[in-house]
Amino acid sequence: MATMTYDREGDVLYIAFAPEGPDTEGEEVHPGVVLMFNGDRLVGIEILPASKVLAAGAVASLPTAAE
């Protein structure tokens, strides 16, 4: 099951599908959209700046990262 967190200060949305490992690498596939891979397995998606990439007002309802 995926988990989603939003860091308001950094304006970063992260969707995790699996835990990252020491070999996790990111690949920017579109400006502001980074796919995180551990080997050939997709483990997460990072979107930044989320408030500009996502639909207007979408970030207001996102769960925030623990402070």
Protein backbone atom coordinates (compact mmCIF):
# COMPACT_ATOMS: atom_id res chain seq x y z
CA MET A 1 0.00 0.00 0.00
CA ALA A 2 1.32 3.43 -0.91
CA THR A 3 1.82 6.17 1.64
CA MET A 4 1.84 9.86 0.85
CA THR A 5 3.48 12.70 2.73
CA TYR A 6 3.74 16.39 1.98
CA ASP A 7 6.49 18.64 3.31
CA ARG A 8 4.95 22.13 3.31
CA GLU A 9 8.25 23.89 4.00
CA GLY A 10 10.02 22.22 1.06
CA ASP A 11 6.81 21.98 -1.02
CA VAL A 12 7.61 18.32 -1.73
CA LEU A 13 5.08 15.52 -2.14
CA TYR A 14 6.45 12.00 -1.73
CA ILE A 15 4.51 8.86 -2.58
CA ALA A 16 6.19 5.72 -1.22
CA PHE A 17 5.38 2.26 -2.57
CA ALA A 18 8.17 0.45 -0.70
CA PRO A 19 11.01 1.39 1.65
CA GLU A 20 14.04 2.98 0.03
CA GLY A 21 17.30 1.06 0.28
CA PRO A 22 20.96 2.03 0.09
CA ASP A 23 20.93 1.57 -3.69
CA THR A 24 17.91 3.82 -4.31
CA GLU A 25 18.41 6.26 -7.18
CA GLY A 26 16.17 8.92 -8.65
CA GLU A 27 15.41 9.66 -12.28
CA GLU A 28 13.71 12.91 -13.26
CA VAL A 29 11.15 11.95 -15.90
CA HIS A 30 9.48 15.35 -16.16
CA PRO A 31 10.43 18.72 -14.65
CA GLY A 32 9.66 18.36 -10.93
CA VAL A 33 8.76 14.65 -11.10
CA VAL A 34 11.38 12.18 -9.88
CA LEU A 35 10.86 8.42 -9.90
CA MET A 36 12.82 6.62 -7.18
CA PHE A 37 14.13 3.16 -8.06
CA ASN A 38 15.82 0.49 -5.99
CA GLY A 39 17.34 -1.61 -8.76
CA ASP A 40 14.56 -2.07 -11.30
CA ARG A 41 11.81 -1.67 -8.70
CA LEU A 42 9.88 1.61 -8.40
CA VAL A 43 9.83 2.53 -4.70
CA GLY A 44 8.57 6.11 -4.78
CA ILE A 45 7.63 9.26 -6.63
CA GLU A 46 8.80 12.73 -5.58
CA ILE A 47 6.99 15.82 -6.87
CA LEU A 48 8.44 19.29 -6.40
CA PRO A 49 7.36 21.99 -6.16
CA ALA A 50 4.12 20.17 -5.49
CA SER A 51 1.97 23.29 -5.22
CA LYS A 52 2.91 24.28 -8.77
CA VAL A 53 2.87 20.80 -10.37
CA LEU A 54 -0.42 19.54 -8.89
CA ALA A 55 -3.86 20.97 -9.56
CA ALA A 56 -4.66 24.27 -7.86
CA GLY A 57 -5.58 23.72 -4.21
CA ALA A 58 -4.63 20.02 -4.21
CA VAL A 59 -1.86 20.36 -1.61
CA ALA A 60 -4.27 21.70 1.03
CA SER A 61 -5.71 18.24 1.59
CA LEU A 62 -2.41 16.31 1.60
CA PRO A 63 -1.11 14.62 4.76
CA THR A 64 1.92 16.53 6.05
CA ALA A 65 5.26 14.99 6.99
CA ALA A 66 6.00 14.61 10.70
CA GLU A 67 7.69 17.69 12.03
